[in-house]
Protein backbone atom coordinates (compact mmCIF):
# COMPACT_ATOMS: atom_id res chain seq x y z
CA MET A 1 67.89 101.14 100.04
CA LYS A 2 67.09 102.84 97.09
CA THR A 3 68.91 103.64 93.99
CA ASN A 4 70.32 106.81 92.91
CA SER A 5 68.91 107.13 89.34
CA ASN A 6 70.80 110.19 89.00
CA LEU A 7 73.76 107.96 88.36
CA PRO A 8 74.53 106.64 84.80
CA LEU A 9 73.85 103.49 84.17
CA ALA A 10 76.91 102.84 81.73
CA LEU A 11 80.08 103.85 82.70
CA PRO A 12 82.18 104.87 80.38
CA ARG A 13 85.45 103.18 79.65
CA GLN A 14 88.15 104.06 81.81
CA ASP A 15 90.78 105.91 79.41
CA ARG A 16 93.88 103.85 78.26
CA PHE A 17 96.43 105.17 80.78
CA SER A 18 94.24 103.47 83.59
CA ARG A 19 93.38 100.24 81.63
CA LEU A 20 97.29 99.67 81.77
CA ALA A 21 98.41 100.36 84.72
CA GLN A 22 95.64 98.23 86.46
CA ALA A 23 97.20 95.63 84.54
CA ALA A 24 100.15 96.23 85.31
CA ALA A 25 99.23 96.08 88.87
CA ARG A 26 98.16 92.90 88.58
CA LEU A 27 100.76 91.17 87.28
CA ALA A 28 103.17 92.98 89.31
CA GLY A 29 101.84 92.07 91.71
CA ARG A 30 100.89 88.00 91.64
CA PRO A 31 103.19 85.18 92.52
CA GLY A 32 104.65 84.94 89.11
CA ALA A 33 106.12 88.23 88.81
CA PHE A 34 107.65 87.92 92.18
CA ILE A 35 109.43 84.56 90.88
CA ALA A 36 110.52 86.18 87.20
CA ALA A 37 112.08 89.19 89.23
CA CYS A 38 113.60 85.83 91.65
CA LEU A 39 114.82 84.29 88.68
CA VAL A 40 116.96 87.45 86.83
CA ILE A 41 118.05 88.39 89.77
CA PHE A 42 119.63 84.39 90.08
CA PHE A 43 120.69 84.31 86.32
CA TRP A 44 122.02 87.63 86.80
CA VAL A 45 124.06 86.63 89.69
CA VAL A 46 125.87 83.09 87.81
CA SER A 47 126.64 85.09 84.82
CA GLY A 48 128.86 87.44 87.31
CA PRO A 49 131.86 84.57 86.67
CA LEU A 50 130.98 84.96 82.96
CA PHE A 51 131.80 88.37 82.46
CA ASN A 52 134.17 88.49 85.20
CA TYR A 53 132.53 90.44 87.44
CA SER A 54 133.12 93.44 85.12
CA ASP A 55 131.09 97.55 85.87
CA SER A 56 129.15 96.58 83.03
CA TRP A 57 127.37 93.46 84.34
CA GLN A 58 127.10 95.04 88.02
CA LEU A 59 125.26 97.97 85.12
CA VAL A 60 123.07 96.19 84.05
CA ILE A 61 121.00 95.07 87.18
CA ASN A 62 121.15 98.33 88.26
CA THR A 63 119.76 100.38 85.32
CA SER A 64 117.07 97.63 85.31
CA THR A 65 115.92 97.33 88.79
CA THR A 66 116.15 101.36 88.64
CA ILE A 67 113.75 101.65 85.48
CA VAL A 68 111.37 99.34 86.66
CA THR A 69 110.93 101.32 90.34
CA PHE A 70 110.62 104.17 88.09
CA LEU A 71 108.15 103.08 86.50
CA MET A 72 106.19 101.26 89.12
CA VAL A 73 105.97 104.12 91.66
CA PHE A 74 103.61 105.49 88.98
CA LEU A 75 101.68 102.64 88.52
CA ILE A 76 101.03 102.65 92.47
CA GLN A 77 100.26 105.64 92.97
CA ASN A 78 98.37 105.68 89.98
CA THR A 79 96.50 101.88 91.29
CA GLN A 80 95.96 103.93 94.87
CA ASN A 81 94.40 106.59 94.20
CA ARG A 82 91.65 105.06 92.03
CA ASP A 83 90.84 102.73 95.39
CA GLN A 84 91.17 105.58 97.60
CA LEU A 85 88.33 107.52 95.46
CA ALA A 86 86.87 104.49 94.89
CA LEU A 87 86.57 104.00 98.36
CA GLN A 88 85.70 107.55 100.07
CA VAL A 89 82.52 107.48 96.80
CA LYS A 90 81.39 104.63 98.16
CA LEU A 91 81.83 106.32 102.22
CA ALA A 92 80.72 109.09 100.55
CA GLU A 93 77.11 107.19 98.90
CA LEU A 94 76.53 105.56 102.84
CA ILE A 95 76.76 108.33 105.01
CA VAL A 96 74.63 110.34 103.30
CA GLN A 97 72.46 107.11 101.95
CA MET A 98 72.45 106.79 106.49
CA PRO A 99 69.52 108.89 108.11
CA GLY A 100 70.56 110.23 111.10
CA ALA A 101 74.13 110.53 109.92
CA PRO A 102 76.24 114.11 109.44
CA ASN A 103 76.54 114.20 105.50
CA ILE A 104 79.57 116.59 106.25
CA LEU A 105 81.73 113.54 106.42
CA ALA A 106 80.58 112.53 102.93
CA ASN A 107 83.15 115.08 102.24
CA ALA A 108 85.85 115.06 104.77
CA GLU A 109 88.58 114.79 101.69
CA ASP A 110 88.78 117.74 100.77
CA MET A 111 88.77 119.77 104.48
CA SER A 112 91.75 121.22 105.85
CA GLU A 113 94.08 119.40 107.70
CA THR A 114 93.10 121.50 110.89
CA GLN A 115 89.53 120.46 110.20
CA LEU A 116 90.66 117.22 110.07
CA ASP A 117 91.90 116.92 113.22
CA LYS A 118 89.46 118.45 115.13
CA LEU A 119 87.46 116.00 113.83
CA HIS A 120 89.43 113.00 114.50
CA GLU A 121 89.15 114.36 118.35
CA TYR A 122 85.79 114.32 118.48
CA TYR A 123 84.86 111.23 117.40
CA LYS A 124 87.73 110.00 120.06
CA ALA A 125 85.96 111.80 122.73
CA ARG A 126 83.00 110.63 121.84
CA ALA A 127 84.61 107.47 121.31
CA ARG A 128 85.93 107.35 124.25
CA GLU A 129 82.14 108.35 126.13
CA LYS A 130 81.25 106.05 124.61
CA MET A 131 83.25 103.35 126.05
CA LYS A 132 82.92 105.07 130.10
CA THR A 133 79.02 104.47 129.18
CA ALA A 134 79.53 100.68 128.07
CA ARG A 135 81.34 100.29 131.37
CA ARG A 136 79.13 101.57 133.49
CA ARG A 137 76.53 99.73 132.20
CA LYS A 138 78.15 96.75 132.19
CA SER A 139 79.22 97.33 136.00
CA ARG A 140 76.02 97.49 136.85
CA ARG A 141 74.62 94.48 134.84
CA SER A 142 76.99 92.43 137.44
């Protein structure tokens, strides 16, 4: 497959937020992060009797987990958006380079929901036809 000479050879550096989001998502997805979270919860539970299970003791864990969850939602969304866009770009390149492929599919993510539903039904019908054809061929061979 030939390379597209219009693509920049050196891609620009990611902005600071993207780099931060990627690094945070990588760290949060490691087993060590899960173990650290479990340890925090363990020490919080163990410290309960020390603080007489007070409202402040409960507020610490509630506030902490709410803040972490709130921030992680944005980091995860950023990571998913970037991964989804990269996947769409790769698939679009494959579709465009494939001889005979309908190039309209390279921009499927920009279609309306109605258009996507129609395309989905069309490809489901094509798949059913292919399966019927394959069964007929198989039964003829038997």
